[in-house]
Each structure stands twice: as C-alpha cells, then as structure tokens.
PDB file of N, CA and C in Angstrom:
ATOM      1  N   MET A   1      31.777 167.368  97.734  1.00  0.00           N
ATOM      2  CA  MET A   1      32.567 168.348  98.439  1.00  0.00           C
ATOM      3  C   MET A   1      32.345 169.735  97.852  1.00  0.00           C
ATOM      4  N   LYS A   2      32.248 169.843  96.528  1.00  0.00           N
ATOM      5  CA  LYS A   2      32.027 171.134  95.895  1.00  0.00           C
ATOM      6  C   LYS A   2      30.668 171.698  96.286  1.00  0.00           C
ATOM      7  N   VAL A   3      29.663 170.825  96.414  1.00  0.00           N
ATOM      8  CA  VAL A   3      28.322 171.267  96.794  1.00  0.00           C
ATOM      9  C   VAL A   3      28.349 171.862  98.194  1.00  0.00           C
ATOM     10  N   ILE A   4      29.015 171.190  99.111  1.00  0.00           N
ATOM     11  CA  ILE A   4      29.102 171.675 100.489  1.00  0.00           C
ATOM     12  C   ILE A   4      29.820 173.015 100.533  1.00  0.00           C
ATOM     13  N   THR A   5      30.896 173.148  99.781  1.00  0.00           N
ATOM     14  CA  THR A   5      31.633 174.406  99.741  1.00  0.00           C
ATOM     15  C   THR A   5      30.759 175.529  99.209  1.00  0.00           C
ATOM     16  N   ALA A   6      29.999 175.253  98.139  1.00  0.00           N
ATOM     17  CA  ALA A   6      29.121 176.272  97.566  1.00  0.00           C
ATOM     18  C   ALA A   6      28.030 176.682  98.544  1.00  0.00           C
ATOM     19  N   ILE A   7      27.459 175.720  99.228  1.00  0.00           N
ATOM     20  CA  ILE A   7      26.397 176.029 100.197  1.00  0.00           C
ATOM     21  C   ILE A   7      26.947 176.871 101.341  1.00  0.00           C
ATOM     22  N   LEU A   8      28.118 176.520 101.826  1.00  0.00           N
ATOM     23  CA  LEU A   8      28.723 177.294 102.911  1.00  0.00           C
ATOM     24  C   LEU A   8      29.064 178.707 102.467  1.00  0.00           C
ATOM     25  N   MET A   9      29.535 178.867 101.218  1.00  0.00           N
ATOM     26  CA  MET A   9      29.824 180.205 100.699  1.00  0.00           C
ATOM     27  C   MET A   9      28.555 181.040 100.630  1.00  0.00           C
ATOM     28  N   ILE A  10      27.458 180.437 100.193  1.00  0.00           N
ATOM     29  CA  ILE A  10      26.182 181.150 100.140  1.00  0.00           C
ATOM     30  C   ILE A  10      25.742 181.551 101.537  1.00  0.00           C
ATOM     31  N   ALA A  11      25.913 180.651 102.482  1.00  0.00           N
ATOM     32  CA  ALA A  11      25.515 180.942 103.862  1.00  0.00           C
ATOM     33  C   ALA A  11      26.307 182.116 104.428  1.00  0.00           C
ATOM     34  N   PHE A  12      27.618 182.128 104.218  1.00  0.00           N
ATOM     35  CA  PHE A  12      28.427 183.225 104.731  1.00  0.00           C
ATOM     36  C   PHE A  12      28.104 184.532 104.004  1.00  0.00           C
ATOM     37  N   SER A  13      27.793 184.468 102.707  1.00  0.00           N
ATOM     38  CA  SER A  13      27.411 185.653 101.953  1.00  0.00           C
ATOM     39  C   SER A  13      26.112 186.232 102.486  1.00  0.00           C
ATOM     40  N   ALA A  14      25.157 185.366 102.807  1.00  0.00           N
ATOM     41  CA  ALA A  14      23.873 185.823 103.332  1.00  0.00           C
ATOM     42  C   ALA A  14      24.067 186.555 104.647  1.00  0.00           C
ATOM     43  N   ALA A  15      24.931 186.045 105.491  1.00  0.00           N
ATOM     44  CA  ALA A  15      25.177 186.691 106.772  1.00  0.00           C
ATOM     45  C   ALA A  15      25.845 188.054 106.566  1.00  0.00           C
ATOM     46  N   ALA A  16      26.767 188.133 105.621  1.00  0.00           N
ATOM     47  CA  ALA A  16      27.457 189.392 105.369  1.00  0.00           C
ATOM     48  C   ALA A  16      26.515 190.424 104.746  1.00  0.00           C
ATOM     49  N   LEU A  17      25.661 190.014 103.829  1.00  0.00           N
ATOM     50  CA  LEU A  17      24.735 190.934 103.183  1.00  0.00           C
ATOM     51  C   LEU A  17      23.681 191.449 104.141  1.00  0.00           C
ATOM     52  N   GLY A  18      23.212 190.595 105.019  1.00  0.00           N
ATOM     53  CA  GLY A  18      22.157 190.991 105.940  1.00  0.00           C
ATOM     54  C   GLY A  18      22.645 191.932 107.019  1.00  0.00           C
ATOM     55  N   GLY A  19      23.939 191.906 107.312  1.00  0.00           N
ATOM     56  CA  GLY A  19      24.469 192.773 108.332  1.00  0.00           C
ATOM     57  C   GLY A  19      24.043 192.366 109.741  1.00  0.00           C
ATOM     58  N   GLU A  20      23.432 191.225 109.871  1.00  0.00           N
ATOM     59  CA  GLU A  20      22.988 190.747 111.164  1.00  0.00           C
ATOM     60  C   GLU A  20      23.450 189.316 111.335  1.00  0.00           C
ATOM     61  N   SER A  21      23.410 188.849 112.535  1.00  0.00           N
ATOM     62  CA  SER A  21      23.827 187.482 112.817  1.00  0.00           C
ATOM     63  C   SER A  21      22.730 186.520 112.373  1.00  0.00           C
ATOM     64  N   LEU A  22      22.913 185.873 111.242  1.00  0.00           N
ATOM     65  CA  LEU A  22      21.933 184.946 110.697  1.00  0.00           C
ATOM     66  C   LEU A  22      22.426 183.525 110.874  1.00  0.00           C
ATOM     67  N   ASP A  23      21.527 182.614 111.055  1.00  0.00           N
ATOM     68  CA  ASP A  23      21.859 181.208 111.085  1.00  0.00           C
ATOM     69  C   ASP A  23      21.122 180.555 109.923  1.00  0.00           C
ATOM     70  N   PRO A  24      21.708 180.566 108.732  1.00  0.00           N
ATOM     71  CA  PRO A  24      21.013 180.060 107.553  1.00  0.00           C
ATOM     72  C   PRO A  24      20.700 178.567 107.634  1.00  0.00           C
ATOM     73  N   LEU A  25      21.509 177.812 108.354  1.00  0.00           N
ATOM     74  CA  LEU A  25      21.224 176.389 108.503  1.00  0.00           C
ATOM     75  C   LEU A  25      19.917 176.197 109.265  1.00  0.00           C
ATOM     76  N   ARG A  26      19.798 176.853 110.405  1.00  0.00           N
ATOM     77  CA  ARG A  26      18.569 176.743 111.202  1.00  0.00           C
ATOM     78  C   ARG A  26      17.376 177.323 110.441  1.00  0.00           C
ATOM     79  N   ALA A  27      17.589 178.421 109.692  1.00  0.00           N
ATOM     80  CA  ALA A  27      16.503 179.014 108.918  1.00  0.00           C
ATOM     81  C   ALA A  27      15.989 178.038 107.859  1.00  0.00           C
ATOM     82  N   ALA A  28      16.905 177.347 107.175  1.00  0.00           N
ATOM     83  CA  ALA A  28      16.496 176.373 106.157  1.00  0.00           C
ATOM     84  C   ALA A  28      15.754 175.201 106.797  1.00  0.00           C
ATOM     85  N   LEU A  29      16.231 174.747 107.955  1.00  0.00           N
ATOM     86  CA  LEU A  29      15.556 173.651 108.651  1.00  0.00           C
ATOM     87  C   LEU A  29      14.158 174.065 109.107  1.00  0.00           C
ATOM     88  N   GLU A  30      14.047 175.268 109.656  1.00  0.00           N
ATOM     89  CA  GLU A  30      12.745 175.753 110.123  1.00  0.00           C
ATOM     90  C   GLU A  30      11.777 175.940 108.958  1.00  0.00           C
ATOM     91  N   GLU A  31      12.277 176.423 107.819  1.00  0.00           N
ATOM     92  CA  GLU A  31      11.401 176.597 106.658  1.00  0.00           C
ATOM     93  C   GLU A  31      10.916 175.247 106.139  1.00  0.00           C
ATOM     94  N   SER A  32      11.778 174.255 106.129  1.00  0.00           N
ATOM     95  CA  SER A  32      11.356 172.917 105.721  1.00  0.00           C
ATOM     96  C   SER A  32      10.273 172.400 106.651  1.00  0.00           C
ATOM     97  N   ARG A  33      10.444 172.645 107.939  1.00  0.00           N
ATOM     98  CA  ARG A  33       9.444 172.211 108.919  1.00  0.00           C
ATOM     99  C   ARG A  33       8.118 172.928 108.698  1.00  0.00           C
ATOM    100  N   ALA A  34       8.170 174.229 108.448  1.00  0.00           N
ATOM    101  CA  ALA A  34       6.958 175.032 108.307  1.00  0.00           C
ATOM    102  C   ALA A  34       6.218 174.764 106.995  1.00  0.00           C
ATOM    103  N   THR A  35       6.960 174.550 105.914  1.00  0.00           N
ATOM    104  CA  THR A  35       6.332 174.421 104.593  1.00  0.00           C
ATOM    105  C   THR A  35       6.180 172.980 104.114  1.00  0.00           C
ATOM    106  N   GLY A  36       6.927 172.063 104.723  1.00  0.00           N
ATOM    107  CA  GLY A  36       6.884 170.676 104.276  1.00  0.00           C
ATOM    108  C   GLY A  36       7.749 170.407 103.061  1.00  0.00           C
ATOM    109  N   LYS A  37       8.602 171.371 102.693  1.00  0.00           N
ATOM    110  CA  LYS A  37       9.516 171.166 101.566  1.00  0.00           C
ATOM    111  C   LYS A  37      10.670 170.272 102.001  1.00  0.00           C
ATOM    112  N   GLY A  38      11.087 169.410 101.115  1.00  0.00           N
ATOM    113  CA  GLY A  38      12.165 168.486 101.423  1.00  0.00           C
ATOM    114  C   GLY A  38      13.537 169.126 101.338  1.00  0.00           C
ATOM    115  N   LEU A  39      14.460 168.568 102.072  1.00  0.00           N
ATOM    116  CA  LEU A  39      15.854 168.996 102.081  1.00  0.00           C
ATOM    117  C   LEU A  39      16.753 167.772 101.976  1.00  0.00           C
ATOM    118  N   SER A  40      17.981 168.014 101.616  1.00  0.00           N
ATOM    119  CA  SER A  40      19.016 166.997 101.763  1.00  0.00           C
ATOM    120  C   SER A  40      19.910 167.450 102.895  1.00  0.00           C
ATOM    121  N   LEU A  41      20.009 166.628 103.923  1.00  0.00           N
ATOM    122  CA  LEU A  41      20.912 166.897 105.037  1.00  0.00           C
ATOM    123  C   LEU A  41      22.241 166.230 104.716  1.00  0.00           C
ATOM    124  N   TYR A  42      23.316 166.983 104.766  1.00  0.00           N
ATOM    125  CA  TYR A  42      24.636 166.418 104.511  1.00  0.00           C
ATOM    126  C   TYR A  42      25.301 166.161 105.852  1.00  0.00           C
ATOM    127  N   VAL A  43      25.463 164.882 106.173  1.00  0.00           N
ATOM    128  CA  VAL A  43      26.022 164.466 107.455  1.00  0.00           C
ATOM    129  C   VAL A  43      27.228 163.571 107.173  1.00  0.00           C
ATOM    130  N   ASN A  44      28.395 164.047 107.558  1.00  0.00           N
ATOM    131  CA  ASN A  44      29.626 163.277 107.388  1.00  0.00           C
ATOM    132  C   ASN A  44      29.817 162.806 105.938  1.00  0.00           C
ATOM    133  N   GLY A  45      29.487 163.690 104.983  1.00  0.00           N
ATOM    134  CA  GLY A  45      29.677 163.393 103.577  1.00  0.00           C
ATOM    135  C   GLY A  45      28.578 162.578 102.923  1.00  0.00           C
ATOM    136  N   VAL A  46      27.516 162.266 103.661  1.00  0.00           N
ATOM    137  CA  VAL A  46      26.409 161.478 103.129  1.00  0.00           C
ATOM    138  C   VAL A  46      25.172 162.360 103.031  1.00  0.00           C
ATOM    139  N   ALA A  47      24.493 162.334 101.881  1.00  0.00           N
ATOM    140  CA  ALA A  47      23.271 163.105 101.691  1.00  0.00           C
ATOM    141  C   ALA A  47      22.075 162.276 102.157  1.00  0.00           C
ATOM    142  N   ILE A  48      21.272 162.852 103.048  1.00  0.00           N
ATOM    143  CA  ILE A  48      20.090 162.180 103.575  1.00  0.00           C
ATOM    144  C   ILE A  48      18.878 163.037 103.223  1.00  0.00           C
ATOM    145  N   PRO A  49      18.045 162.595 102.273  1.00  0.00           N
ATOM    146  CA  PRO A  49      16.869 163.388 101.917  1.00  0.00           C
ATOM    147  C   PRO A  49      15.754 163.198 102.941  1.00  0.00           C
ATOM    148  N   GLY A  50      15.015 164.278 103.193  1.00  0.00           N
ATOM    149  CA  GLY A  50      13.894 164.179 104.120  1.00  0.00           C
ATOM    150  C   GLY A  50      13.198 165.515 104.293  1.00  0.00           C
ATOM    151  N   VAL A  51      12.096 165.477 105.026  1.00  0.00           N
ATOM    152  CA  VAL A  51      11.341 166.672 105.387  1.00  0.00           C
ATOM    153  C   VAL A  51      11.480 166.842 106.891  1.00  0.00           C
ATOM    154  N   VAL A  52      11.846 168.034 107.323  1.00  0.00           N
ATOM    155  CA  VAL A  52      12.059 168.285 108.745  1.00  0.00           C
ATOM    156  C   VAL A  52      10.724 168.274 109.479  1.00  0.00           C
ATOM    157  N   VAL A  53      10.668 167.521 110.566  1.00  0.00           N
ATOM    158  CA  VAL A  53       9.476 167.437 111.410  1.00  0.00           C
ATOM    159  C   VAL A  53       9.622 168.362 112.610  1.00  0.00           C
ATOM    160  N   SER A  54      10.825 168.393 113.216  1.00  0.00           N
ATOM    161  CA  SER A  54      11.058 169.292 114.346  1.00  0.00           C
ATOM    162  C   SER A  54      12.541 169.626 114.444  1.00  0.00           C
ATOM    163  N   VAL A  55      12.805 170.802 115.025  1.00  0.00           N
ATOM    164  CA  VAL A  55      14.167 171.253 115.271  1.00  0.00           C
ATOM    165  C   VAL A  55      14.243 171.597 116.751  1.00  0.00           C
ATOM    166  N   ASP A  56      15.117 170.914 117.461  1.00  0.00           N
ATOM    167  CA  ASP A  56      15.298 171.106 118.891  1.00  0.00           C
ATOM    168  C   ASP A  56      16.630 171.824 119.100  1.00  0.00           C
ATOM    169  N   ASN A  57      17.001 172.074 120.327  1.00  0.00           N
ATOM    170  CA  ASN A  57      18.289 172.705 120.603  1.00  0.00           C
ATOM    171  C   ASN A  57      19.461 171.849 120.143  1.00  0.00           C
ATOM    172  N   GLY A  58      19.318 170.547 120.196  1.00  0.00           N
ATOM    173  CA  GLY A  58      20.432 169.699 119.827  1.00  0.00           C
ATOM    174  C   GLY A  58      20.169 168.719 118.705  1.00  0.00           C
ATOM    175  N   PHE A  59      18.902 168.555 118.292  1.00  0.00           N
ATOM    176  CA  PHE A  59      18.568 167.520 117.318  1.00  0.00           C
ATOM    177  C   PHE A  59      17.610 168.030 116.244  1.00  0.00           C
ATOM    178  N   VAL A  60      17.694 167.389 115.079  1.00  0.00           N
ATOM    179  CA  VAL A  60      16.740 167.597 114.002  1.00  0.00           C
ATOM    180  C   VAL A  60      16.060 166.257 113.764  1.00  0.00           C
ATOM    181  N   VAL A  61      14.736 166.274 113.735  1.00  0.00           N
ATOM    182  CA  VAL A  61      13.975 165.074 113.418  1.00  0.00           C
ATOM    183  C   VAL A  61      13.364 165.292 112.042  1.00  0.00           C
ATOM    184  N   ALA A  62      13.619 164.351 111.142  1.00  0.00           N
ATOM    185  CA  ALA A  62      13.102 164.431 109.779  1.00  0.00           C
ATOM    186  C   ALA A  62      12.429 163.103 109.451  1.00  0.00           C
ATOM    187  N   ARG A  63      11.681 163.104 108.350  1.00  0.00           N
ATOM    188  CA  ARG A  63      11.062 161.865 107.883  1.00  0.00           C
ATOM    189  C   ARG A  63      11.302 161.766 106.379  1.00  0.00           C
ATOM    190  N   SER A  64      11.385 160.518 105.930  1.00  0.00           N
ATOM    191  CA  SER A  64      11.526 160.279 104.497  1.00  0.00           C
ATOM    192  C   SER A  64      10.800 158.987 104.156  1.00  0.00           C
ATOM    193  N   GLN A  65      10.452 158.851 102.878  1.00  0.00           N
ATOM    194  CA  GLN A  65       9.758 157.649 102.433  1.00  0.00           C
ATOM    195  C   GLN A  65      10.662 156.427 102.522  1.00  0.00           C
ATOM    196  N   SER A  66      11.931 156.609 102.230  1.00  0.00           N
ATOM    197  CA  SER A  66      12.833 155.456 102.195  1.00  0.00           C
ATOM    198  C   SER A  66      13.416 155.091 103.560  1.00  0.00           C
ATOM    199  N   GLN A  67      13.615 156.089 104.436  1.00  0.00           N
ATOM    200  CA  GLN A  67      14.276 155.826 105.716  1.00  0.00           C
ATOM    201  C   GLN A  67      13.336 155.900 106.920  1.00  0.00           C
ATOM    202  N   GLY A  68      12.135 156.412 106.753  1.00  0.00           N
ATOM    203  CA  GLY A  68      11.229 156.586 107.889  1.00  0.00           C
ATOM    204  C   GLY A  68      11.646 157.794 108.703  1.00  0.00           C
ATOM    205  N   THR A  69      11.748 157.628 110.021  1.00  0.00           N
ATOM    206  CA  THR A  69      12.142 158.722 110.903  1.00  0.00           C
ATOM    207  C   THR A  69      13.658 158.802 111.000  1.00  0.00           C
ATOM    208  N   ILE A  70      14.174 160.036 110.908  1.00  0.00           N
ATOM    209  CA  ILE A  70      15.611 160.280 110.945  1.00  0.00           C
ATOM    210  C   ILE A  70      15.871 161.286 112.066  1.00  0.00           C
ATOM    211  N   VAL A  71      16.815 160.993 112.942  1.00  0.00           N
ATOM    212  CA  VAL A  71      17.206 161.916 114.012  1.00  0.00           C
ATOM    213  C   VAL A  71      18.693 162.198 113.857  1.00  0.00           C
ATOM    214  N   VAL A  72      19.040 163.480 113.741  1.00  0.00           N
ATOM    215  CA  VAL A  72      20.431 163.874 113.538  1.00  0.00           C
ATOM    216  C   VAL A  72      20.777 164.976 114.539  1.00  0.00           C
ATOM    217  N   ARG A  73      21.952 164.872 115.151  1.00  0.00           N
ATOM    218  CA  ARG A  73      22.423 165.953 116.013  1.00  0.00           C
ATOM    219  C   ARG A  73      22.759 167.165 115.153  1.00  0.00           C
ATOM    220  N   LEU A  74      22.335 168.336 115.584  1.00  0.00           N
ATOM    221  CA  LEU A  74      22.600 169.566 114.832  1.00  0.00           C
ATOM    222  C   LEU A  74      24.091 169.770 114.576  1.00  0.00           C
ATOM    223  N   GLU A  75      24.918 169.466 115.531  1.00  0.00           N
ATOM    224  CA  GLU A  75      26.353 169.686 115.385  1.00  0.00           C
ATOM    225  C   GLU A  75      26.985 168.766 114.342  1.00  0.00           C
ATOM    226  N   ARG A  76      26.301 167.707 113.947  1.00  0.00           N
ATOM    227  CA  ARG A  76      26.827 166.761 112.960  1.00  0.00           C
ATOM    228  C   ARG A  76      26.457 167.144 111.523  1.00  0.00           C
ATOM    229  N   ILE A  77      25.530 168.085 111.350  1.00  0.00           N
ATOM    230  CA  ILE A  77      25.098 168.488 110.007  1.00  0.00           C
ATOM    231  C   ILE A  77      26.148 169.411 109.401  1.00  0.00           C
ATOM    232  N   ASP A  78      26.674 168.986 108.243  1.00  0.00           N
ATOM    233  CA  ASP A  78      27.659 169.793 107.531  1.00  0.00           C
ATOM    234  C   ASP A  78      26.981 170.880 106.701  1.00  0.00           C
ATOM    235  N   ALA A  79      25.864 170.528 106.070  1.00  0.00           N
ATOM    236  CA  ALA A  79      25.163 171.464 105.201  1.00  0.00           C
ATOM    237  C   ALA A  79      23.770 170.925 104.908  1.00  0.00           C
ATOM    238  N   VAL A  80      22.916 171.794 104.363  1.00  0.00           N
ATOM    239  CA  VAL A  80      21.609 171.372 103.858  1.00  0.00           C
ATOM    240  C   VAL A  80      21.437 171.970 102.470  1.00  0.00           C
ATOM    241  N   ALA A  81      20.669 171.281 101.647  1.00  0.00           N
ATOM    242  CA  ALA A  81      20.374 171.781 100.308  1.00  0.00           C
ATOM    243  C   ALA A  81      18.929 171.470  99.993  1.00  0.00           C
ATOM    244  N   GLY A  82      18.281 172.385  99.317  1.00  0.00           N
ATOM    245  CA  GLY A  82      16.887 172.182  98.937  1.00  0.00           C
ATOM    246  C   GLY A  82      16.297 173.487  98.438  1.00  0.00           C
ATOM    247  N   PHE A  83      15.052 173.441  98.065  1.00  0.00           N
ATOM    248  CA  PHE A  83      14.378 174.617  97.533  1.00  0.00           C
ATOM    249  C   PHE A  83      13.686 175.376  98.655  1.00  0.00           C
ATOM    250  N   VAL A  84      14.496 175.940  99.530  1.00  0.00           N
ATOM    251  CA  VAL A  84      13.998 176.789 100.607  1.00  0.00           C
ATOM    252  C   VAL A  84      14.706 178.129 100.493  1.00  0.00           C
ATOM    253  N   GLY A  85      14.071 179.176 100.960  1.00  0.00           N
ATOM    254  CA  GLY A  85      14.653 180.509 100.860  1.00  0.00           C
ATOM    255  C   GLY A  85      15.747 180.723 101.880  1.00  0.00           C
ATOM    256  N   GLN A  86      16.582 181.709 101.623  1.00  0.00           N
ATOM    257  CA  GLN A  86      17.626 182.077 102.569  1.00  0.00           C
ATOM    258  C   GLN A  86      17.428 183.553 102.941  1.00  0.00           C
ATOM    259  N   PRO A  87      17.460 183.868 104.226  1.00  0.00           N
ATOM    260  CA  PRO A  87      17.341 185.263 104.633  1.00  0.00           C
ATOM    261  C   PRO A  87      18.437 186.106 104.002  1.00  0.00           C
ATOM    262  N   GLY A  88      18.064 187.253 103.491  1.00  0.00           N
ATOM    263  CA  GLY A  88      19.025 188.148 102.870  1.00  0.00           C
ATOM    264  C   GLY A  88      19.233 187.902 101.390  1.00  0.00           C
ATOM    265  N   LEU A  89      18.729 186.777 100.881  1.00  0.00           N
ATOM    266  CA  LEU A  89      18.907 186.476  99.460  1.00  0.00           C
ATOM    267  C   LEU A  89      17.592 186.503  98.695  1.00  0.00           C
ATOM    268  N   GLU A  90      16.549 187.070  99.289  1.00  0.00           N
ATOM    269  CA  GLU A  90      15.267 187.129  98.601  1.00  0.00           C
ATOM    270  C   GLU A  90      15.378 188.058  97.402  1.00  0.00           C
ATOM    271  N   ARG A  91      14.611 187.767  96.372  1.00  0.00           N
ATOM    272  CA  ARG A  91      14.583 188.626  95.191  1.00  0.00           C
ATOM    273  C   ARG A  91      13.788 189.894  95.503  1.00  0.00           C
ATOM    274  N   LYS A  92      14.317 190.984  95.080  1.00  0.00           N
ATOM    275  CA  LYS A  92      13.653 192.275  95.276  1.00  0.00           C
ATOM    276  C   LYS A  92      12.715 192.525  94.102  1.00  0.00           C
ATOM    277  N   PRO A  93      11.488 193.005  94.367  1.00  0.00           N
ATOM    278  CA  PRO A  93      10.592 193.330  93.252  1.00  0.00           C
ATOM    279  C   PRO A  93      11.186 194.414  92.385  1.00  0.00           C
ATOM    280  N   GLN A  94      11.029 194.272  91.083  1.00  0.00           N
ATOM    281  CA  GLN A  94      11.625 195.259  90.166  1.00  0.00           C
ATOM    282  C   GLN A  94      10.586 196.186  89.629  1.00  0.00           C
TER     283      GLN A  94
END
C-alpha cells in the first residue's frame, strides 16, 4: 500500500511540475513497450511483473517468463513500478 501511495504521489507531482496534462501511467507503459524494460503492474493489490507488448485504448498486453501472456484492462491498473523515466522528472544536465 505504501508503494502505491508513493507512486501515485510521484505521478501527481510530475503532472504539477510539467504544467501540462500528463498521463504518467500511460507514459510508463509506452516506455516499457518501446524499450523492453520490465515493469510491475499493480492490479487489485497484486504485483504482476512483465514487459509491455502493446497498449490499446482499453487493454495492456504484457509478457513474462513465469505467466506467459498477460492482458489487463487499463482501468484495473492501480499503479506501475519499474526503471522507466517519468515526464517532467528527468535530470537536468549540470
């Protein structure tokens, strides 16, 4: 529960800092799809690790070694966690 709260706080902070309407959940899913980096999808309190294969208007298709193909409705995803960037939180060169 604390992890989900922290992720949601980061997401809302990113939207406020960017000054634009950002969808950090979709951005993280799209980055996983583009780069092949794995994520943990949090669905109804359960963490499901996988790599996003496609993101549709209503569904996310992911794959994992242990579960094979995973299909999740976007509206059911509580949060995602992984080593993907977030818009508005990139490090500035010093």
